[in-house]
C-alpha cells in the first residue's frame, strides 16, 4: 500500500504544481514559459528524490507500462499503479477547480497547430524522456545519484521548447485529469496515444543499445 499511496501523493503534487503553474500564469502572467518549464522540471526532481525509494516515482501510466514491457516492473502491479496515478491527478485537478472556479481550462494540453504536428511532437518528446529514464537507471551506480536531475532537466527543456506547439503532455494523466474536470476533450486522443507510442519506442531502442554483444 505504501507504493500505491506514494504514487497517489506524487502524482497529485505533480499535477497540482504542473498544471497549477499554467493556471497561475493565465491568472497573473507572472511566470512565462521559462517559469512554467522550471516548475515542471523542479517538481519532478523533488518527487524523484522524495518518493523514488518507495514506488520508483513513475507518476505516469506510459512510464509504468514501458517499465513492465522492459521487464523491470511486474505486470500484476500495473493496474494498481495506473489507478493510483489517475486518483492523484483527478484530485489535483478538482482542487485547482475549487481554487480557480473561473478558469475554464485548468492547464489542459491542446495543439497550437495541426493535430498531426502535435502528435509527432508528443511522440518524439516522450521518446526522449523515456530514453533518459531508461538510460540513467542502468549501469554505473553514480547514475542513480544524479538521475533525478537528469530526468527533471529533460522535462524542463521539453516543456520549454514543446510547450508552444503541443503543450508538452508526456503523461496521459496530466492531460486526462484537467480534461475530465473541465469537459474539454478536444484532441485528447493525442495526449493518450502519443505518450505510450513514444515510451514503448524508447524501450525498443534501449534494448538494442543495452543488449549484450
N, C-alpha and C. Protein backbone atom coordinates (compact mmCIF):
# COMPACT_ATOMS: atom_id res chain seq x y z
N UNK A 1 0.82 -1.21 0.00
CA UNK A 1 0.00 0.00 0.00
C UNK A 1 0.85 1.26 0.00
N UNK A 2 2.05 1.19 0.58
CA UNK A 2 2.92 2.36 0.60
C UNK A 2 3.27 2.81 -0.81
N UNK A 3 3.50 1.83 -1.69
CA UNK A 3 3.85 2.16 -3.08
C UNK A 3 2.70 2.90 -3.76
N UNK A 4 1.50 2.39 -3.56
CA UNK A 4 0.35 2.98 -4.23
C UNK A 4 0.03 4.37 -3.66
N UNK A 5 0.14 4.50 -2.33
CA UNK A 5 -0.09 5.81 -1.72
C UNK A 5 0.96 6.80 -2.19
N UNK A 6 2.19 6.33 -2.36
CA UNK A 6 3.27 7.18 -2.86
C UNK A 6 2.95 7.69 -4.26
N UNK A 7 2.39 6.82 -5.11
CA UNK A 7 2.03 7.23 -6.47
C UNK A 7 0.86 8.21 -6.45
N UNK A 8 -0.10 7.99 -5.55
CA UNK A 8 -1.22 8.93 -5.43
C UNK A 8 -0.71 10.31 -5.03
N UNK A 9 0.08 10.36 -3.97
CA UNK A 9 0.58 11.65 -3.46
C UNK A 9 1.51 12.31 -4.49
N UNK A 10 2.41 11.53 -5.04
CA UNK A 10 3.36 12.08 -6.01
C UNK A 10 2.68 12.64 -7.24
N UNK A 11 1.71 11.89 -7.79
CA UNK A 11 1.01 12.38 -8.97
C UNK A 11 0.15 13.59 -8.63
N UNK A 12 -0.45 13.58 -7.44
CA UNK A 12 -1.22 14.75 -7.01
C UNK A 12 -0.33 16.00 -7.00
N UNK A 13 0.84 15.89 -6.40
CA UNK A 13 1.75 17.04 -6.33
C UNK A 13 2.19 17.46 -7.73
N UNK A 14 2.50 16.48 -8.56
CA UNK A 14 2.95 16.77 -9.93
C UNK A 14 1.90 17.55 -10.71
N UNK A 15 0.66 17.08 -10.68
CA UNK A 15 -0.39 17.73 -11.46
C UNK A 15 -0.82 19.04 -10.82
N UNK A 16 -0.85 19.08 -9.49
CA UNK A 16 -1.23 20.31 -8.81
C UNK A 16 -0.24 21.42 -9.11
N UNK A 17 1.06 21.11 -9.02
CA UNK A 17 2.08 22.12 -9.29
C UNK A 17 2.23 22.39 -10.78
N UNK A 18 2.24 21.31 -11.59
CA UNK A 18 2.49 21.46 -13.02
C UNK A 18 1.37 22.17 -13.77
N UNK A 19 0.14 21.67 -13.63
CA UNK A 19 -0.96 22.35 -14.29
C UNK A 19 -1.36 23.61 -13.52
N UNK A 20 -1.09 23.60 -12.21
CA UNK A 20 -1.38 24.78 -11.41
C UNK A 20 -0.57 25.99 -11.84
N UNK A 21 0.68 25.77 -12.22
CA UNK A 21 1.50 26.90 -12.64
C UNK A 21 1.00 27.48 -13.96
N UNK A 22 0.38 26.63 -14.80
CA UNK A 22 -0.23 27.13 -16.04
C UNK A 22 -1.41 28.03 -15.70
N UNK A 23 -2.22 27.59 -14.73
CA UNK A 23 -3.37 28.38 -14.30
C UNK A 23 -2.91 29.71 -13.70
N UNK A 24 -1.88 29.66 -12.87
CA UNK A 24 -1.35 30.88 -12.25
C UNK A 24 -0.83 31.84 -13.32
N UNK A 25 -0.18 31.31 -14.34
CA UNK A 25 0.29 32.15 -15.44
C UNK A 25 -0.88 32.80 -16.17
N UNK A 26 -1.94 32.04 -16.38
CA UNK A 26 -3.13 32.60 -17.03
C UNK A 26 -3.77 33.69 -16.17
N UNK A 27 -3.72 33.52 -14.85
CA UNK A 27 -4.35 34.48 -13.95
C UNK A 27 -3.51 35.74 -13.76
N UNK A 28 -2.17 35.57 -13.70
CA UNK A 28 -1.32 36.68 -13.29
C UNK A 28 -0.29 37.10 -14.34
N UNK A 29 0.09 36.18 -15.24
CA UNK A 29 1.15 36.48 -16.19
C UNK A 29 2.52 36.59 -15.56
N UNK A 30 2.68 36.00 -14.37
CA UNK A 30 3.91 36.19 -13.61
C UNK A 30 5.02 35.21 -13.95
N UNK A 31 4.71 34.09 -14.61
CA UNK A 31 5.71 33.03 -14.79
C UNK A 31 6.33 33.01 -16.18
N UNK A 32 5.51 33.08 -17.20
CA UNK A 32 6.02 32.94 -18.56
C UNK A 32 6.39 31.50 -18.83
N UNK A 33 6.75 31.19 -20.08
CA UNK A 33 7.13 29.82 -20.45
C UNK A 33 8.34 29.33 -19.66
N UNK A 34 9.41 30.14 -19.49
CA UNK A 34 10.55 29.65 -18.69
C UNK A 34 10.15 29.29 -17.26
N UNK A 35 9.26 30.06 -16.66
CA UNK A 35 8.83 29.77 -15.31
C UNK A 35 8.02 28.49 -15.24
N UNK A 36 7.12 28.29 -16.20
CA UNK A 36 6.33 27.06 -16.24
C UNK A 36 7.24 25.85 -16.42
N UNK A 37 8.19 25.95 -17.34
CA UNK A 37 9.13 24.85 -17.57
C UNK A 37 9.93 24.54 -16.31
N UNK A 38 10.34 25.58 -15.60
CA UNK A 38 11.12 25.39 -14.38
C UNK A 38 10.30 24.68 -13.31
N UNK A 39 9.03 25.06 -13.17
CA UNK A 39 8.17 24.40 -12.19
C UNK A 39 8.07 22.90 -12.48
N UNK A 40 7.80 22.56 -13.74
CA UNK A 40 7.70 21.14 -14.10
C UNK A 40 9.01 20.41 -13.83
N UNK A 41 10.13 21.01 -14.22
CA UNK A 41 11.41 20.34 -14.02
C UNK A 41 11.76 20.16 -12.56
N UNK A 42 11.59 21.21 -11.77
CA UNK A 42 11.97 21.13 -10.35
C UNK A 42 11.04 20.22 -9.55
N UNK A 43 9.75 20.21 -9.88
CA UNK A 43 8.85 19.34 -9.12
C UNK A 43 9.17 17.87 -9.43
N UNK A 44 9.56 17.57 -10.66
CA UNK A 44 9.97 16.20 -10.99
C UNK A 44 11.21 15.81 -10.19
N UNK A 45 12.19 16.69 -10.13
CA UNK A 45 13.40 16.41 -9.35
C UNK A 45 13.06 16.14 -7.89
N UNK A 46 12.23 17.01 -7.31
CA UNK A 46 11.87 16.86 -5.91
C UNK A 46 11.14 15.54 -5.66
N UNK A 47 10.22 15.19 -6.53
CA UNK A 47 9.42 13.98 -6.33
C UNK A 47 10.25 12.72 -6.49
N UNK A 48 11.20 12.72 -7.41
CA UNK A 48 12.06 11.55 -7.59
C UNK A 48 12.86 11.28 -6.32
N UNK A 49 13.42 12.33 -5.73
CA UNK A 49 14.20 12.14 -4.51
C UNK A 49 13.30 11.87 -3.30
N UNK A 50 12.07 12.36 -3.32
CA UNK A 50 11.17 12.17 -2.18
C UNK A 50 10.54 10.77 -2.16
N UNK A 51 10.17 10.26 -3.33
CA UNK A 51 9.40 9.01 -3.38
C UNK A 51 10.07 7.89 -4.16
N UNK A 52 11.25 8.14 -4.73
CA UNK A 52 11.89 7.14 -5.57
C UNK A 52 12.15 5.83 -4.87
N UNK A 53 12.52 5.88 -3.59
CA UNK A 53 12.84 4.65 -2.87
C UNK A 53 11.60 3.89 -2.42
N UNK A 54 10.42 4.48 -2.58
CA UNK A 54 9.18 3.81 -2.18
C UNK A 54 8.49 3.17 -3.38
N UNK A 55 8.23 3.97 -4.41
CA UNK A 55 7.46 3.45 -5.55
C UNK A 55 8.21 3.50 -6.87
N UNK A 56 9.39 4.11 -6.87
CA UNK A 56 10.11 4.31 -8.13
C UNK A 56 9.72 5.60 -8.82
N UNK A 57 8.75 6.31 -8.26
CA UNK A 57 8.28 7.60 -8.80
C UNK A 57 7.95 7.50 -10.28
N UNK A 58 7.00 6.64 -10.63
CA UNK A 58 6.55 6.57 -12.02
C UNK A 58 5.72 7.80 -12.38
N UNK A 59 4.61 7.99 -11.67
CA UNK A 59 3.74 9.17 -11.81
C UNK A 59 3.15 9.33 -13.21
N UNK A 60 3.29 8.31 -14.03
CA UNK A 60 2.95 8.41 -15.45
C UNK A 60 2.60 7.03 -15.98
N UNK A 61 1.38 6.80 -16.45
CA UNK A 61 1.00 5.48 -16.96
C UNK A 61 1.90 4.98 -18.09
N UNK A 62 2.37 5.89 -18.94
CA UNK A 62 3.23 5.47 -20.04
C UNK A 62 4.56 4.93 -19.51
N UNK A 63 5.08 5.54 -18.46
CA UNK A 63 6.32 5.06 -17.85
C UNK A 63 6.10 3.71 -17.19
N UNK A 64 5.00 3.57 -16.48
CA UNK A 64 4.69 2.30 -15.81
C UNK A 64 4.58 1.16 -16.81
N UNK A 65 3.83 1.37 -17.90
CA UNK A 65 3.67 0.33 -18.91
C UNK A 65 5.00 0.04 -19.60
N UNK A 66 5.78 1.07 -19.87
CA UNK A 66 7.09 0.87 -20.51
C UNK A 66 8.02 0.06 -19.63
N UNK A 67 8.02 0.33 -18.33
CA UNK A 67 8.84 -0.46 -17.41
C UNK A 67 8.39 -1.92 -17.39
N UNK A 68 7.07 -2.14 -17.46
CA UNK A 68 6.56 -3.51 -17.48
C UNK A 68 6.99 -4.23 -18.75
N UNK A 69 6.91 -3.54 -19.88
CA UNK A 69 7.33 -4.14 -21.15
C UNK A 69 8.82 -4.46 -21.12
N UNK A 70 9.60 -3.61 -20.46
CA UNK A 70 11.04 -3.82 -20.35
C UNK A 70 11.40 -4.81 -19.24
N UNK A 71 10.40 -5.39 -18.60
CA UNK A 71 10.56 -6.41 -17.56
C UNK A 71 11.26 -5.88 -16.32
N UNK A 72 11.11 -4.61 -16.06
CA UNK A 72 11.63 -4.03 -14.82
C UNK A 72 10.53 -3.88 -13.78
N UNK A 73 9.31 -4.20 -14.17
CA UNK A 73 8.17 -3.97 -13.31
C UNK A 73 7.16 -5.08 -13.54
N UNK A 74 6.55 -5.56 -12.47
CA UNK A 74 5.60 -6.66 -12.58
C UNK A 74 4.29 -6.19 -13.21
N UNK A 75 3.82 -6.94 -14.21
CA UNK A 75 2.57 -6.59 -14.87
C UNK A 75 1.39 -6.59 -13.88
N UNK A 76 1.46 -7.46 -12.87
CA UNK A 76 0.35 -7.52 -11.91
C UNK A 76 0.23 -6.24 -11.10
N UNK A 77 1.29 -5.43 -11.04
CA UNK A 77 1.27 -4.17 -10.31
C UNK A 77 0.73 -3.01 -11.15
N UNK A 78 0.69 -3.20 -12.46
CA UNK A 78 0.34 -2.10 -13.38
C UNK A 78 -1.04 -1.50 -13.10
N UNK A 79 -2.11 -2.31 -12.98
CA UNK A 79 -3.43 -1.70 -12.75
C UNK A 79 -3.49 -0.84 -11.50
N UNK A 80 -2.87 -1.29 -10.40
CA UNK A 80 -2.90 -0.51 -9.16
C UNK A 80 -2.10 0.78 -9.30
N UNK A 81 -0.99 0.73 -10.01
CA UNK A 81 -0.19 1.94 -10.22
C UNK A 81 -0.97 2.94 -11.07
N UNK A 82 -1.59 2.46 -12.15
CA UNK A 82 -2.36 3.36 -13.00
C UNK A 82 -3.54 3.96 -12.25
N UNK A 83 -4.21 3.14 -11.46
CA UNK A 83 -5.31 3.65 -10.67
C UNK A 83 -4.86 4.70 -9.67
N UNK A 84 -3.71 4.48 -9.05
CA UNK A 84 -3.17 5.44 -8.09
C UNK A 84 -2.81 6.75 -8.78
N UNK A 85 -2.21 6.66 -9.96
CA UNK A 85 -1.83 7.86 -10.69
C UNK A 85 -3.04 8.69 -11.11
N UNK A 86 -4.07 8.03 -11.61
CA UNK A 86 -5.27 8.76 -12.02
C UNK A 86 -6.00 9.35 -10.81
N UNK A 87 -5.98 8.64 -9.70
CA UNK A 87 -6.61 9.17 -8.49
C UNK A 87 -5.94 10.46 -8.05
N UNK A 88 -4.62 10.45 -8.00
CA UNK A 88 -3.88 11.66 -7.61
C UNK A 88 -4.09 12.80 -8.57
N UNK A 89 -4.09 12.50 -9.87
CA UNK A 89 -4.24 13.54 -10.89
C UNK A 89 -5.63 14.17 -10.85
N UNK A 90 -6.65 13.34 -10.75
CA UNK A 90 -8.02 13.85 -10.70
C UNK A 90 -8.24 14.71 -9.46
N UNK A 91 -7.71 14.25 -8.33
CA UNK A 91 -7.84 15.02 -7.08
C UNK A 91 -7.19 16.39 -7.22
N UNK A 92 -6.02 16.43 -7.87
CA UNK A 92 -5.32 17.71 -8.06
C UNK A 92 -6.13 18.65 -8.94
N UNK A 93 -6.71 18.13 -10.01
CA UNK A 93 -7.49 18.98 -10.91
C UNK A 93 -8.76 19.50 -10.24
N UNK A 94 -9.38 18.66 -9.43
CA UNK A 94 -10.58 19.12 -8.70
C UNK A 94 -10.22 20.20 -7.69
N UNK A 95 -9.08 20.07 -7.04
CA UNK A 95 -8.66 21.10 -6.10
C UNK A 95 -8.36 22.41 -6.82
N UNK A 96 -7.71 22.33 -7.97
CA UNK A 96 -7.45 23.54 -8.76
C UNK A 96 -8.75 24.18 -9.23
N UNK A 97 -9.73 23.35 -9.57
CA UNK A 97 -11.03 23.88 -9.96
C UNK A 97 -11.70 24.61 -8.79
N UNK A 98 -11.53 24.07 -7.60
CA UNK A 98 -12.07 24.72 -6.40
C UNK A 98 -11.38 26.05 -6.14
N UNK A 99 -10.06 26.09 -6.33
CA UNK A 99 -9.29 27.31 -6.06
C UNK A 99 -9.49 28.37 -7.14
N UNK A 100 -9.67 27.91 -8.38
CA UNK A 100 -9.81 28.84 -9.51
C UNK A 100 -11.08 28.50 -10.30
N UNK A 101 -12.25 28.73 -9.71
CA UNK A 101 -13.51 28.30 -10.34
C UNK A 101 -13.81 28.99 -11.66
N UNK A 102 -13.22 30.15 -11.91
CA UNK A 102 -13.48 30.87 -13.15
C UNK A 102 -12.59 30.42 -14.30
N UNK A 103 -11.58 29.61 -14.00
CA UNK A 103 -10.68 29.12 -15.04
C UNK A 103 -11.34 27.95 -15.77
N UNK A 104 -11.48 28.04 -17.07
CA UNK A 104 -12.22 27.06 -17.84
C UNK A 104 -11.36 25.96 -18.44
N UNK A 105 -10.04 26.04 -18.27
CA UNK A 105 -9.17 25.05 -18.91
C UNK A 105 -8.32 24.26 -17.92
N UNK A 106 -7.92 24.87 -16.81
CA UNK A 106 -7.12 24.20 -15.77
C UNK A 106 -5.84 23.58 -16.32
N UNK A 107 -5.25 24.24 -17.30
CA UNK A 107 -3.96 23.78 -17.82
C UNK A 107 -4.04 22.60 -18.76
N UNK A 108 -5.16 22.43 -19.46
CA UNK A 108 -5.27 21.31 -20.41
C UNK A 108 -4.23 21.45 -21.51
N UNK A 109 -3.90 20.33 -22.13
CA UNK A 109 -2.99 20.35 -23.28
C UNK A 109 -3.80 20.39 -24.57
N UNK A 110 -3.33 21.18 -25.51
CA UNK A 110 -4.01 21.26 -26.80
C UNK A 110 -3.01 21.73 -27.85
N UNK A 111 -3.18 21.31 -29.11
CA UNK A 111 -2.25 21.71 -30.17
C UNK A 111 -2.41 23.18 -30.52
N UNK A 112 -1.30 23.82 -30.85
CA UNK A 112 -1.38 25.18 -31.37
C UNK A 112 -1.46 25.17 -32.89
N UNK A 113 -1.10 24.02 -33.49
CA UNK A 113 -1.18 23.86 -34.94
C UNK A 113 -2.07 22.69 -35.28
N UNK A 114 -1.62 21.82 -36.17
CA UNK A 114 -2.41 20.66 -36.57
C UNK A 114 -2.28 19.54 -35.53
N UNK A 115 -3.25 18.65 -35.53
CA UNK A 115 -3.19 17.50 -34.62
C UNK A 115 -2.02 16.59 -34.96
N UNK A 116 -1.72 16.41 -36.23
CA UNK A 116 -0.60 15.54 -36.62
C UNK A 116 0.72 16.12 -36.14
N UNK A 117 0.88 17.43 -36.26
CA UNK A 117 2.10 18.08 -35.76
C UNK A 117 2.25 17.82 -34.26
N UNK A 118 1.17 18.01 -33.52
CA UNK A 118 1.22 17.81 -32.07
C UNK A 118 1.47 16.34 -31.73
N UNK A 119 0.85 15.43 -32.48
CA UNK A 119 1.04 14.00 -32.23
C UNK A 119 2.51 13.60 -32.40
N UNK A 120 3.11 14.05 -33.49
CA UNK A 120 4.52 13.71 -33.73
C UNK A 120 5.41 14.32 -32.66
N UNK A 121 5.14 15.58 -32.31
CA UNK A 121 5.92 16.24 -31.26
C UNK A 121 5.82 15.48 -29.95
N UNK A 122 4.62 15.11 -29.56
CA UNK A 122 4.41 14.42 -28.29
C UNK A 122 5.07 13.04 -28.30
N UNK A 123 5.00 12.35 -29.41
CA UNK A 123 5.63 11.04 -29.52
C UNK A 123 7.14 11.14 -29.37
N UNK A 124 7.73 12.06 -30.10
CA UNK A 124 9.19 12.22 -30.06
C UNK A 124 9.65 12.70 -28.69
N UNK A 125 8.92 13.65 -28.12
CA UNK A 125 9.33 14.16 -26.82
C UNK A 125 9.22 13.10 -25.72
N UNK A 126 8.18 12.27 -25.79
CA UNK A 126 8.07 11.19 -24.79
C UNK A 126 9.15 10.15 -25.02
N UNK A 127 9.50 9.91 -26.28
CA UNK A 127 10.61 9.01 -26.58
C UNK A 127 11.89 9.52 -25.93
N UNK A 128 12.16 10.80 -26.06
CA UNK A 128 13.37 11.40 -25.46
C UNK A 128 13.34 11.23 -23.94
N UNK A 129 12.21 11.57 -23.33
CA UNK A 129 12.10 11.46 -21.87
C UNK A 129 12.29 10.02 -21.41
N UNK A 130 11.64 9.07 -22.07
CA UNK A 130 11.73 7.67 -21.65
C UNK A 130 13.12 7.12 -21.88
N UNK A 131 13.80 7.56 -22.93
CA UNK A 131 15.18 7.12 -23.15
C UNK A 131 16.07 7.56 -22.00
N UNK A 132 15.90 8.80 -21.58
CA UNK A 132 16.69 9.29 -20.45
C UNK A 132 16.38 8.49 -19.20
N UNK A 133 15.09 8.26 -18.92
CA UNK A 133 14.70 7.49 -17.74
C UNK A 133 15.33 6.11 -17.76
N UNK A 134 15.25 5.44 -18.90
CA UNK A 134 15.79 4.09 -19.01
C UNK A 134 17.30 4.07 -18.89
N UNK A 135 17.97 5.02 -19.50
CA UNK A 135 19.43 5.00 -19.53
C UNK A 135 20.05 5.40 -18.19
N UNK A 136 19.41 6.32 -17.46
CA UNK A 136 20.00 6.72 -16.18
C UNK A 136 19.71 5.72 -15.08
N UNK A 137 18.85 4.75 -15.37
CA UNK A 137 18.52 3.76 -14.35
C UNK A 137 19.25 2.44 -14.54
N UNK A 138 20.26 2.42 -15.41
CA UNK A 138 21.10 1.24 -15.59
C UNK A 138 22.56 1.66 -15.56
N UNK A 139 23.44 0.67 -15.34
CA UNK A 139 24.87 0.96 -15.42
C UNK A 139 25.48 1.39 -14.10
N UNK A 140 26.43 2.33 -14.18
CA UNK A 140 27.19 2.74 -13.01
C UNK A 140 26.29 3.27 -11.90
N UNK A 141 26.66 2.98 -10.68
CA UNK A 141 25.87 3.43 -9.53
C UNK A 141 25.77 4.95 -9.49
N UNK A 142 26.78 5.63 -10.01
CA UNK A 142 26.77 7.09 -9.98
C UNK A 142 25.57 7.68 -10.71
N UNK A 143 25.05 6.95 -11.69
CA UNK A 143 23.90 7.45 -12.42
C UNK A 143 22.70 7.64 -11.50
N UNK A 144 22.58 6.76 -10.51
CA UNK A 144 21.44 6.84 -9.62
C UNK A 144 21.41 8.11 -8.81
N UNK A 145 22.57 8.64 -8.48
CA UNK A 145 22.65 9.84 -7.66
C UNK A 145 22.12 11.05 -8.42
N UNK A 146 22.39 11.12 -9.69
CA UNK A 146 22.00 12.28 -10.49
C UNK A 146 20.79 12.01 -11.38
N UNK A 147 20.14 10.86 -11.20
CA UNK A 147 19.01 10.50 -12.08
C UNK A 147 17.90 11.54 -12.00
N UNK A 148 17.60 12.00 -10.79
CA UNK A 148 16.54 12.98 -10.63
C UNK A 148 16.83 14.27 -11.38
N UNK A 149 18.07 14.72 -11.32
CA UNK A 149 18.46 15.94 -12.03
C UNK A 149 18.35 15.75 -13.54
N UNK A 150 18.82 14.57 -14.02
CA UNK A 150 18.78 14.31 -15.46
C UNK A 150 17.34 14.26 -15.97
N UNK A 151 16.47 13.58 -15.24
CA UNK A 151 15.08 13.45 -15.68
C UNK A 151 14.35 14.79 -15.55
N UNK A 152 14.53 15.46 -14.44
CA UNK A 152 13.90 16.77 -14.26
C UNK A 152 14.38 17.78 -15.28
N UNK A 153 15.68 17.76 -15.58
CA UNK A 153 16.23 18.66 -16.59
C UNK A 153 15.67 18.37 -17.97
N UNK A 154 15.46 17.09 -18.25
CA UNK A 154 14.88 16.72 -19.54
C UNK A 154 13.45 17.25 -19.66
N UNK A 155 12.66 17.09 -18.60
CA UNK A 155 11.29 17.62 -18.61
C UNK A 155 11.32 19.13 -18.79
N UNK A 156 12.25 19.79 -18.13
CA UNK A 156 12.37 21.25 -18.22
C UNK A 156 12.55 21.70 -19.67
N UNK A 157 13.52 21.10 -20.37
CA UNK A 157 13.76 21.59 -21.73
C UNK A 157 12.67 21.14 -22.70
N UNK A 158 12.03 19.99 -22.43
CA UNK A 158 10.92 19.56 -23.29
C UNK A 158 9.73 20.50 -23.18
N UNK A 159 9.43 20.94 -21.96
CA UNK A 159 8.34 21.91 -21.77
C UNK A 159 8.71 23.24 -22.41
N UNK A 160 9.98 23.61 -22.30
CA UNK A 160 10.43 24.90 -22.81
C UNK A 160 10.28 25.01 -24.32
N UNK A 161 10.62 23.94 -25.05
CA UNK A 161 10.54 24.08 -26.50
C UNK A 161 9.29 23.42 -27.09
N UNK A 162 8.67 22.49 -26.37
CA UNK A 162 7.49 21.83 -26.91
C UNK A 162 6.19 22.46 -26.49
N UNK A 163 6.23 23.19 -25.37
CA UNK A 163 5.01 23.79 -24.85
C UNK A 163 4.24 24.64 -25.83
N UNK A 164 4.91 25.54 -26.57
CA UNK A 164 4.18 26.40 -27.51
C UNK A 164 3.54 25.64 -28.68
N UNK A 165 4.00 24.42 -28.95
CA UNK A 165 3.48 23.65 -30.08
C UNK A 165 2.36 22.70 -29.66
N UNK A 166 2.63 21.91 -28.61
CA UNK A 166 1.66 20.87 -28.24
C UNK A 166 1.23 20.92 -26.79
N UNK A 167 1.85 21.78 -26.00
CA UNK A 167 1.55 21.82 -24.58
C UNK A 167 2.41 20.90 -23.75
N UNK A 168 3.22 20.05 -24.40
CA UNK A 168 4.11 19.10 -23.73
C UNK A 168 3.37 18.30 -22.67
N UNK A 169 2.55 17.35 -23.15
CA UNK A 169 1.82 16.48 -22.23
C UNK A 169 2.72 15.43 -21.60
N UNK A 170 3.27 14.53 -22.41
CA UNK A 170 4.20 13.48 -22.00
C UNK A 170 3.58 12.44 -21.07
N UNK A 171 2.47 12.75 -20.47
CA UNK A 171 1.89 11.94 -19.40
C UNK A 171 0.37 11.94 -19.55
N UNK A 172 -0.24 10.79 -19.83
CA UNK A 172 -1.70 10.78 -20.03
C UNK A 172 -2.49 11.36 -18.87
N UNK A 173 -2.07 11.13 -17.64
CA UNK A 173 -2.82 11.67 -16.51
C UNK A 173 -2.78 13.19 -16.49
N UNK A 174 -1.66 13.77 -16.95
CA UNK A 174 -1.51 15.22 -16.96
C UNK A 174 -2.55 15.86 -17.88
N UNK A 175 -2.92 15.14 -18.95
CA UNK A 175 -3.88 15.68 -19.90
C UNK A 175 -5.32 15.25 -19.59
N UNK A 176 -5.49 14.01 -19.14
CA UNK A 176 -6.83 13.48 -18.91
C UNK A 176 -7.51 14.16 -17.73
N UNK A 177 -6.78 14.37 -16.63
CA UNK A 177 -7.39 14.91 -15.40
C UNK A 177 -8.04 16.28 -15.62
N UNK A 178 -7.32 17.28 -16.14
CA UNK A 178 -7.99 18.57 -16.36
C UNK A 178 -9.06 18.51 -17.43
N UNK A 179 -8.91 17.59 -18.40
CA UNK A 179 -9.93 17.45 -19.44
C UNK A 179 -11.24 16.95 -18.84
N UNK A 180 -11.16 16.00 -17.92
CA UNK A 180 -12.37 15.47 -17.28
C UNK A 180 -13.04 16.53 -16.44
N UNK A 181 -12.25 17.25 -15.65
CA UNK A 181 -12.83 18.23 -14.73
C UNK A 181 -13.45 19.40 -15.49
N UNK A 182 -12.85 19.80 -16.61
CA UNK A 182 -13.37 20.94 -17.36
C UNK A 182 -14.29 20.55 -18.50
N UNK A 183 -14.28 19.28 -18.88
CA UNK A 183 -15.11 18.85 -20.00
C UNK A 183 -14.54 19.19 -21.35
N UNK A 184 -13.24 19.49 -21.41
CA UNK A 184 -12.57 19.82 -22.69
C UNK A 184 -11.85 18.57 -23.21
N UNK A 185 -12.47 17.87 -24.14
CA UNK A 185 -11.90 16.61 -24.64
C UNK A 185 -11.35 16.73 -26.06
N UNK A 186 -11.33 17.91 -26.61
CA UNK A 186 -10.86 18.09 -27.98
C UNK A 186 -9.38 17.74 -28.09
N UNK A 187 -9.05 16.88 -29.04
CA UNK A 187 -7.68 16.44 -29.32
C UNK A 187 -7.05 15.65 -28.18
N UNK A 188 -7.86 15.19 -27.22
CA UNK A 188 -7.30 14.46 -26.08
C UNK A 188 -6.62 13.17 -26.51
N UNK A 189 -7.10 12.57 -27.60
CA UNK A 189 -6.52 11.30 -28.05
C UNK A 189 -5.01 11.42 -28.28
N UNK A 190 -4.57 12.58 -28.72
CA UNK A 190 -3.13 12.79 -28.97
C UNK A 190 -2.34 12.53 -27.70
N UNK A 191 -2.84 13.05 -26.60
CA UNK A 191 -2.10 13.04 -25.35
C UNK A 191 -2.29 11.75 -24.56
N UNK A 192 -3.06 10.83 -25.15
CA UNK A 192 -3.16 9.48 -24.61
C UNK A 192 -2.31 8.52 -25.45
N UNK A 193 -2.45 8.59 -26.76
CA UNK A 193 -1.76 7.66 -27.66
C UNK A 193 -0.28 7.97 -27.77
N UNK A 194 0.07 9.23 -27.98
CA UNK A 194 1.46 9.61 -28.24
C UNK A 194 2.41 9.24 -27.10
N UNK A 195 2.07 9.49 -25.82
CA UNK A 195 3.00 9.12 -24.75
C UNK A 195 3.31 7.62 -24.72
N UNK A 196 2.30 6.79 -24.95
CA UNK A 196 2.54 5.35 -24.97
C UNK A 196 3.39 4.96 -26.18
N UNK A 197 3.12 5.56 -27.33
CA UNK A 197 3.89 5.27 -28.53
C UNK A 197 5.36 5.66 -28.34
N UNK A 198 5.59 6.84 -27.79
CA UNK A 198 6.95 7.30 -27.57
C UNK A 198 7.68 6.48 -26.54
N UNK A 199 7.01 6.15 -25.43
CA UNK A 199 7.66 5.39 -24.36
C UNK A 199 7.99 3.98 -24.80
N UNK A 200 7.10 3.33 -25.51
CA UNK A 200 7.35 1.96 -25.96
C UNK A 200 8.43 1.93 -27.04
N UNK A 201 8.49 2.95 -27.88
CA UNK A 201 9.57 3.04 -28.87
C UNK A 201 10.91 3.17 -28.17
N UNK A 202 10.94 3.92 -27.08
CA UNK A 202 12.19 4.08 -26.32
C UNK A 202 12.64 2.76 -25.71
N UNK A 203 11.69 1.94 -25.26
CA UNK A 203 12.05 0.64 -24.71
C UNK A 203 12.73 -0.21 -25.77
N UNK A 204 12.20 -0.21 -26.98
CA UNK A 204 12.79 -0.99 -28.07
C UNK A 204 14.22 -0.53 -28.36
N UNK A 205 14.42 0.77 -28.48
CA UNK A 205 15.77 1.30 -28.77
C UNK A 205 16.71 1.02 -27.60
N UNK A 206 16.21 1.17 -26.38
CA UNK A 206 17.03 0.91 -25.20
C UNK A 206 17.51 -0.53 -25.17
N UNK A 207 16.64 -1.46 -25.54
CA UNK A 207 17.02 -2.87 -25.54
C UNK A 207 18.13 -3.12 -26.57
N UNK A 208 18.05 -2.44 -27.72
CA UNK A 208 19.10 -2.57 -28.72
C UNK A 208 20.42 -2.03 -28.19
N UNK A 209 20.38 -0.86 -27.56
CA UNK A 209 21.59 -0.24 -27.05
C UNK A 209 22.20 -1.00 -25.88
N UNK A 210 21.33 -1.62 -25.06
CA UNK A 210 21.79 -2.26 -23.84
C UNK A 210 22.00 -3.76 -23.99
N UNK A 211 21.77 -4.27 -25.18
CA UNK A 211 21.90 -5.70 -25.39
C UNK A 211 23.36 -6.12 -25.35
N UNK A 212 23.59 -7.35 -24.93
CA UNK A 212 24.95 -7.87 -24.90
C UNK A 212 25.41 -8.19 -26.31
N UNK A 213 26.73 -8.00 -26.60
CA UNK A 213 27.25 -8.33 -27.93
C UNK A 213 27.01 -9.81 -28.25
